[in-house]
Amino acid sequence: MAHYKTYISYVIQKGEQHIHESSIEEFPFPKYSFYLDNSSQQIVKWAEEKQKTLNTGEKVIILNFFNVSNVK
């Protein structure tokens, strides 16, 4: 199955403090495409999984994301 890479810019927020972070994630191309933007659905799933790894009181906030090419 083919994959694509997505750059995700996000913030980890805890109370008044926040930390800016970013990540390049690899997602599989969907077998069937029902939406023009399948990346959004993958980002939501990624954010839900990321939230599970955070400490109590911390929250992940997605700022921006876009698909990238030519990333090795």
PDB file of N, CA and C in Angstrom:
ATOM      1  N   MET A   1       0.849  -1.184   0.000  1.00  0.00           N
ATOM      2  CA  MET A   1       0.000   0.000   0.000  1.00  0.00           C
ATOM      3  C   MET A   1       0.892   1.243   0.000  1.00  0.00           C
ATOM      4  N   ALA A   2       0.540   2.219  -0.788  1.00  0.00           N
ATOM      5  CA  ALA A   2       1.296   3.468  -0.881  1.00  0.00           C
ATOM      6  C   ALA A   2       1.047   4.344   0.341  1.00  0.00           C
ATOM      7  N   HIS A   3       2.011   5.201   0.610  1.00  0.00           N
ATOM      8  CA  HIS A   3       1.916   6.116   1.741  1.00  0.00           C
ATOM      9  C   HIS A   3       2.177   7.548   1.290  1.00  0.00           C
ATOM     10  N   TYR A   4       1.786   8.488   2.119  1.00  0.00           N
ATOM     11  CA  TYR A   4       2.113   9.891   1.898  1.00  0.00           C
ATOM     12  C   TYR A   4       2.544  10.492   3.231  1.00  0.00           C
ATOM     13  N   LYS A   5       3.327  11.563   3.163  1.00  0.00           N
ATOM     14  CA  LYS A   5       3.833  12.207   4.373  1.00  0.00           C
ATOM     15  C   LYS A   5       3.107  13.531   4.588  1.00  0.00           C
ATOM     16  N   THR A   6       2.834  13.818   5.852  1.00  0.00           N
ATOM     17  CA  THR A   6       2.139  15.042   6.227  1.00  0.00           C
ATOM     18  C   THR A   6       2.908  15.744   7.340  1.00  0.00           C
ATOM     19  N   TYR A   7       3.141  17.034   7.160  1.00  0.00           N
ATOM     20  CA  TYR A   7       3.755  17.868   8.193  1.00  0.00           C
ATOM     21  C   TYR A   7       2.639  18.373   9.097  1.00  0.00           C
ATOM     22  N   ILE A   8       2.813  18.194  10.410  1.00  0.00           N
ATOM     23  CA  ILE A   8       1.812  18.632  11.384  1.00  0.00           C
ATOM     24  C   ILE A   8       2.464  19.608  12.354  1.00  0.00           C
ATOM     25  N   SER A   9       1.913  20.794  12.450  1.00  0.00           N
ATOM     26  CA  SER A   9       2.353  21.792  13.419  1.00  0.00           C
ATOM     27  C   SER A   9       1.305  21.813  14.530  1.00  0.00           C
ATOM     28  N   TYR A  10       1.761  21.678  15.788  1.00  0.00           N
ATOM     29  CA  TYR A  10       0.810  21.604  16.894  1.00  0.00           C
ATOM     30  C   TYR A  10       1.395  22.202  18.167  1.00  0.00           C
ATOM     31  N   VAL A  11       0.528  22.386  19.132  1.00  0.00           N
ATOM     32  CA  VAL A  11       0.899  22.933  20.444  1.00  0.00           C
ATOM     33  C   VAL A  11       0.448  21.949  21.507  1.00  0.00           C
ATOM     34  N   ILE A  12       1.306  21.740  22.501  1.00  0.00           N
ATOM     35  CA  ILE A  12       0.907  21.017  23.706  1.00  0.00           C
ATOM     36  C   ILE A  12       0.630  22.085  24.752  1.00  0.00           C
ATOM     37  N   GLN A  13      -0.601  22.169  25.201  1.00  0.00           N
ATOM     38  CA  GLN A  13      -1.014  23.206  26.138  1.00  0.00           C
ATOM     39  C   GLN A  13      -1.309  22.602  27.500  1.00  0.00           C
ATOM     40  N   LYS A  14      -0.821  23.276  28.536  1.00  0.00           N
ATOM     41  CA  LYS A  14      -1.118  22.897  29.912  1.00  0.00           C
ATOM     42  C   LYS A  14      -1.302  24.185  30.693  1.00  0.00           C
ATOM     43  N   GLY A  15      -2.548  24.496  31.002  1.00  0.00           N
ATOM     44  CA  GLY A  15      -2.849  25.744  31.702  1.00  0.00           C
ATOM     45  C   GLY A  15      -2.441  26.936  30.855  1.00  0.00           C
ATOM     46  N   GLU A  16      -1.623  27.824  31.426  1.00  0.00           N
ATOM     47  CA  GLU A  16      -1.157  29.007  30.712  1.00  0.00           C
ATOM     48  C   GLU A  16       0.094  28.731  29.878  1.00  0.00           C
ATOM     49  N   GLN A  17       0.699  27.554  30.047  1.00  0.00           N
ATOM     50  CA  GLN A  17       1.928  27.228  29.326  1.00  0.00           C
ATOM     51  C   GLN A  17       1.597  26.487  28.036  1.00  0.00           C
ATOM     52  N   HIS A  18       2.480  26.663  27.052  1.00  0.00           N
ATOM     53  CA  HIS A  18       2.323  25.911  25.819  1.00  0.00           C
ATOM     54  C   HIS A  18       3.686  25.711  25.169  1.00  0.00           C
ATOM     55  N   ILE A  19       3.802  24.598  24.454  1.00  0.00           N
ATOM     56  CA  ILE A  19       5.034  24.244  23.765  1.00  0.00           C
ATOM     57  C   ILE A  19       4.685  23.975  22.309  1.00  0.00           C
ATOM     58  N   HIS A  20       5.351  24.695  21.401  1.00  0.00           N
ATOM     59  CA  HIS A  20       5.147  24.475  19.967  1.00  0.00           C
ATOM     60  C   HIS A  20       5.991  23.291  19.521  1.00  0.00           C
ATOM     61  N   GLU A  21       5.389  22.388  18.769  1.00  0.00           N
ATOM     62  CA  GLU A  21       6.092  21.222  18.249  1.00  0.00           C
ATOM     63  C   GLU A  21       5.622  20.949  16.824  1.00  0.00           C
ATOM     64  N   SER A  22       6.343  20.075  16.144  1.00  0.00           N
ATOM     65  CA  SER A  22       5.938  19.666  14.812  1.00  0.00           C
ATOM     66  C   SER A  22       6.384  18.233  14.576  1.00  0.00           C
ATOM     67  N   SER A  23       5.792  17.616  13.572  1.00  0.00           N
ATOM     68  CA  SER A  23       6.102  16.231  13.265  1.00  0.00           C
ATOM     69  C   SER A  23       5.800  15.975  11.792  1.00  0.00           C
ATOM     70  N   ILE A  24       6.563  15.092  11.184  1.00  0.00           N
ATOM     71  CA  ILE A  24       6.236  14.612   9.853  1.00  0.00           C
ATOM     72  C   ILE A  24       5.807  13.165  10.012  1.00  0.00           C
ATOM     73  N   GLU A  25       4.553  12.904   9.677  1.00  0.00           N
ATOM     74  CA  GLU A  25       3.959  11.588   9.851  1.00  0.00           C
ATOM     75  C   GLU A  25       3.686  10.943   8.502  1.00  0.00           C
ATOM     76  N   GLU A  26       3.764   9.636   8.467  1.00  0.00           N
ATOM     77  CA  GLU A  26       3.477   8.888   7.245  1.00  0.00           C
ATOM     78  C   GLU A  26       2.141   8.176   7.404  1.00  0.00           C
ATOM     79  N   PHE A  27       1.232   8.440   6.478  1.00  0.00           N
ATOM     80  CA  PHE A  27      -0.091   7.842   6.504  1.00  0.00           C
ATOM     81  C   PHE A  27      -0.313   7.021   5.238  1.00  0.00           C
ATOM     82  N   PRO A  28      -1.072   5.930   5.335  1.00  0.00           N
ATOM     83  CA  PRO A  28      -1.366   5.145   4.133  1.00  0.00           C
ATOM     84  C   PRO A  28      -2.415   5.847   3.270  1.00  0.00           C
ATOM     85  N   PHE A  29      -2.246   5.724   1.952  1.00  0.00           N
ATOM     86  CA  PHE A  29      -3.298   6.199   1.062  1.00  0.00           C
ATOM     87  C   PHE A  29      -4.524   5.330   1.297  1.00  0.00           C
ATOM     88  N   PRO A  30      -5.703   5.926   1.351  1.00  0.00           N
ATOM     89  CA  PRO A  30      -6.904   5.115   1.554  1.00  0.00           C
ATOM     90  C   PRO A  30      -7.190   4.246   0.335  1.00  0.00           C
ATOM     91  N   LYS A  31      -7.771   3.090   0.589  1.00  0.00           N
ATOM     92  CA  LYS A  31      -8.140   2.195  -0.507  1.00  0.00           C
ATOM     93  C   LYS A  31      -9.212   2.841  -1.377  1.00  0.00           C
ATOM     94  N   TYR A  32     -10.166   3.498  -0.713  1.00  0.00           N
ATOM     95  CA  TYR A  32     -11.225   4.220  -1.404  1.00  0.00           C
ATOM     96  C   TYR A  32     -11.237   5.640  -0.881  1.00  0.00           C
ATOM     97  N   SER A  33     -11.468   6.585  -1.736  1.00  0.00           N
ATOM     98  CA  SER A  33     -11.473   7.996  -1.348  1.00  0.00           C
ATOM     99  C   SER A  33     -12.882   8.557  -1.483  1.00  0.00           C
ATOM    100  N   PHE A  34     -13.466   8.951  -0.360  1.00  0.00           N
ATOM    101  CA  PHE A  34     -14.812   9.502  -0.363  1.00  0.00           C
ATOM    102  C   PHE A  34     -14.816  11.018  -0.207  1.00  0.00           C
ATOM    103  N   TYR A  35     -13.661  11.595   0.152  1.00  0.00           N
ATOM    104  CA  TYR A  35     -13.551  13.026   0.404  1.00  0.00           C
ATOM    105  C   TYR A  35     -12.439  13.596  -0.465  1.00  0.00           C
ATOM    106  N   LEU A  36     -12.512  14.879  -0.734  1.00  0.00           N
ATOM    107  CA  LEU A  36     -11.423  15.528  -1.460  1.00  0.00           C
ATOM    108  C   LEU A  36     -10.179  15.640  -0.583  1.00  0.00           C
ATOM    109  N   ASP A  37     -10.381  15.741   0.739  1.00  0.00           N
ATOM    110  CA  ASP A  37      -9.263  15.909   1.657  1.00  0.00           C
ATOM    111  C   ASP A  37      -9.265  14.781   2.684  1.00  0.00           C
ATOM    112  N   ASN A  38      -8.645  13.661   2.356  1.00  0.00           N
ATOM    113  CA  ASN A  38      -8.571  12.546   3.287  1.00  0.00           C
ATOM    114  C   ASN A  38      -7.572  12.791   4.407  1.00  0.00           C
ATOM    115  N   SER A  39      -6.685  13.766   4.245  1.00  0.00           N
ATOM    116  CA  SER A  39      -5.691  14.063   5.271  1.00  0.00           C
ATOM    117  C   SER A  39      -6.344  14.489   6.583  1.00  0.00           C
ATOM    118  N   SER A  40      -7.411  15.245   6.502  1.00  0.00           N
ATOM    119  CA  SER A  40      -8.074  15.738   7.718  1.00  0.00           C
ATOM    120  C   SER A  40      -8.489  14.595   8.632  1.00  0.00           C
ATOM    121  N   GLN A  41      -9.050  13.560   8.049  1.00  0.00           N
ATOM    122  CA  GLN A  41      -9.485  12.410   8.841  1.00  0.00           C
ATOM    123  C   GLN A  41      -8.289  11.736   9.508  1.00  0.00           C
ATOM    124  N   GLN A  42      -7.179  11.601   8.789  1.00  0.00           N
ATOM    125  CA  GLN A  42      -5.976  10.996   9.360  1.00  0.00           C
ATOM    126  C   GLN A  42      -5.400  11.864  10.483  1.00  0.00           C
ATOM    127  N   ILE A  43      -5.434  13.174  10.317  1.00  0.00           N
ATOM    128  CA  ILE A  43      -4.910  14.091  11.336  1.00  0.00           C
ATOM    129  C   ILE A  43      -5.734  13.991  12.612  1.00  0.00           C
ATOM    130  N   VAL A  44      -7.037  13.884  12.490  1.00  0.00           N
ATOM    131  CA  VAL A  44      -7.902  13.743  13.670  1.00  0.00           C
ATOM    132  C   VAL A  44      -7.548  12.459  14.420  1.00  0.00           C
ATOM    133  N   LYS A  45      -7.378  11.358  13.699  1.00  0.00           N
ATOM    134  CA  LYS A  45      -6.987  10.098  14.342  1.00  0.00           C
ATOM    135  C   LYS A  45      -5.618  10.231  15.016  1.00  0.00           C
ATOM    136  N   TRP A  46      -4.678  10.886  14.325  1.00  0.00           N
ATOM    137  CA  TRP A  46      -3.346  11.086  14.884  1.00  0.00           C
ATOM    138  C   TRP A  46      -3.429  11.903  16.180  1.00  0.00           C
ATOM    139  N   ALA A  47      -4.223  12.981  16.175  1.00  0.00           N
ATOM    140  CA  ALA A  47      -4.367  13.849  17.348  1.00  0.00           C
ATOM    141  C   ALA A  47      -4.994  13.088  18.517  1.00  0.00           C
ATOM    142  N   GLU A  48      -5.962  12.230  18.235  1.00  0.00           N
ATOM    143  CA  GLU A  48      -6.585  11.431  19.298  1.00  0.00           C
ATOM    144  C   GLU A  48      -5.561  10.492  19.936  1.00  0.00           C
ATOM    145  N   GLU A  49      -4.713   9.875  19.107  1.00  0.00           N
ATOM    146  CA  GLU A  49      -3.670   8.980  19.640  1.00  0.00           C
ATOM    147  C   GLU A  49      -2.614   9.771  20.405  1.00  0.00           C
ATOM    148  N   LYS A  50      -2.244  10.942  19.893  1.00  0.00           N
ATOM    149  CA  LYS A  50      -1.266  11.799  20.570  1.00  0.00           C
ATOM    150  C   LYS A  50      -1.802  12.233  21.936  1.00  0.00           C
ATOM    151  N   GLN A  51      -3.085  12.568  21.999  1.00  0.00           N
ATOM    152  CA  GLN A  51      -3.705  13.009  23.254  1.00  0.00           C
ATOM    153  C   GLN A  51      -3.602  11.926  24.322  1.00  0.00           C
ATOM    154  N   LYS A  52      -3.714  10.667  23.930  1.00  0.00           N
ATOM    155  CA  LYS A  52      -3.630   9.554  24.875  1.00  0.00           C
ATOM    156  C   LYS A  52      -2.251   9.447  25.521  1.00  0.00           C
ATOM    157  N   THR A  53      -1.212   9.973  24.865  1.00  0.00           N
ATOM    158  CA  THR A  53       0.157   9.878  25.393  1.00  0.00           C
ATOM    159  C   THR A  53       0.521  11.036  26.306  1.00  0.00           C
ATOM    160  N   LEU A  54      -0.334  12.053  26.382  1.00  0.00           N
ATOM    161  CA  LEU A  54      -0.028  13.235  27.177  1.00  0.00           C
ATOM    162  C   LEU A  54      -0.401  13.044  28.639  1.00  0.00           C
ATOM    163  N   ASN A  55       0.215  13.856  29.486  1.00  0.00           N
ATOM    164  CA  ASN A  55      -0.084  13.832  30.920  1.00  0.00           C
ATOM    165  C   ASN A  55      -1.454  14.460  31.183  1.00  0.00           C
ATOM    166  N   THR A  56      -1.979  14.210  32.361  1.00  0.00           N
ATOM    167  CA  THR A  56      -3.257  14.796  32.763  1.00  0.00           C
ATOM    168  C   THR A  56      -3.153  16.314  32.720  1.00  0.00           C
ATOM    169  N   GLY A  57      -4.145  16.966  32.163  1.00  0.00           N
ATOM    170  CA  GLY A  57      -4.165  18.424  32.085  1.00  0.00           C
ATOM    171  C   GLY A  57      -3.512  18.979  30.833  1.00  0.00           C
ATOM    172  N   GLU A  58      -2.863  18.135  30.047  1.00  0.00           N
ATOM    173  CA  GLU A  58      -2.257  18.586  28.798  1.00  0.00           C
ATOM    174  C   GLU A  58      -3.220  18.335  27.641  1.00  0.00           C
ATOM    175  N   LYS A  59      -3.130  19.207  26.648  1.00  0.00           N
ATOM    176  CA  LYS A  59      -4.040  19.108  25.509  1.00  0.00           C
ATOM    177  C   LYS A  59      -3.261  19.378  24.224  1.00  0.00           C
ATOM    178  N   VAL A  60      -3.511  18.570  23.195  1.00  0.00           N
ATOM    179  CA  VAL A  60      -2.879  18.787  21.891  1.00  0.00           C
ATOM    180  C   VAL A  60      -3.802  19.660  21.038  1.00  0.00           C
ATOM    181  N   ILE A  61      -3.226  20.675  20.422  1.00  0.00           N
ATOM    182  CA  ILE A  61      -3.979  21.583  19.558  1.00  0.00           C
ATOM    183  C   ILE A  61      -3.266  21.634  18.212  1.00  0.00           C
ATOM    184  N   ILE A  62      -3.951  21.220  17.154  1.00  0.00           N
ATOM    185  CA  ILE A  62      -3.381  21.234  15.818  1.00  0.00           C
ATOM    186  C   ILE A  62      -3.444  22.662  15.279  1.00  0.00           C
ATOM    187  N   LEU A  63      -2.304  23.185  14.857  1.00  0.00           N
ATOM    188  CA  LEU A  63      -2.263  24.525  14.286  1.00  0.00           C
ATOM    189  C   LEU A  63      -2.397  24.500  12.767  1.00  0.00           C
ATOM    190  N   ASN A  64      -1.664  23.568  12.140  1.00  0.00           N
ATOM    191  CA  ASN A  64      -1.631  23.525  10.691  1.00  0.00           C
ATOM    192  C   ASN A  64      -1.120  22.163  10.251  1.00  0.00           C
ATOM    193  N   PHE A  65      -1.476  21.762   9.053  1.00  0.00           N
ATOM    194  CA  PHE A  65      -0.903  20.554   8.470  1.00  0.00           C
ATOM    195  C   PHE A  65      -0.977  20.652   6.954  1.00  0.00           C
ATOM    196  N   PHE A  66      -0.028  20.001   6.309  1.00  0.00           N
ATOM    197  CA  PHE A  66      -0.041  19.929   4.863  1.00  0.00           C
ATOM    198  C   PHE A  66       0.763  18.724   4.405  1.00  0.00           C
ATOM    199  N   ASN A  67       0.411  18.207   3.239  1.00  0.00           N
ATOM    200  CA  ASN A  67       1.129  17.070   2.671  1.00  0.00           C
ATOM    201  C   ASN A  67       2.448  17.555   2.090  1.00  0.00           C
ATOM    202  N   VAL A  68       3.470  16.735   2.239  1.00  0.00           N
ATOM    203  CA  VAL A  68       4.790  17.089   1.722  1.00  0.00           C
ATOM    204  C   VAL A  68       5.247  16.024   0.743  1.00  0.00           C
ATOM    205  N   SER A  69       6.167  16.402  -0.117  1.00  0.00           N
ATOM    206  CA  SER A  69       6.732  15.446  -1.057  1.00  0.00           C
ATOM    207  C   SER A  69       8.251  15.564  -1.022  1.00  0.00           C
ATOM    208  N   ASN A  70       8.916  14.571  -1.556  1.00  0.00           N
ATOM    209  CA  ASN A  70      10.377  14.546  -1.626  1.00  0.00           C
ATOM    210  C   ASN A  70      11.030  14.568  -0.245  1.00  0.00           C
ATOM    211  N   VAL A  71      10.384  13.991   0.750  1.00  0.00           N
ATOM    212  CA  VAL A  71      10.957  13.871   2.090  1.00  0.00           C
ATOM    213  C   VAL A  71      11.427  12.439   2.247  1.00  0.00           C
ATOM    214  N   LYS A  72      12.668  12.273   2.600  1.00  0.00           N
ATOM    215  CA  LYS A  72      13.220  10.927   2.744  1.00  0.00           C
ATOM    216  C   LYS A  72      13.311  10.550   4.190  1.00  0.00           C
TER     217      LYS A  72
END
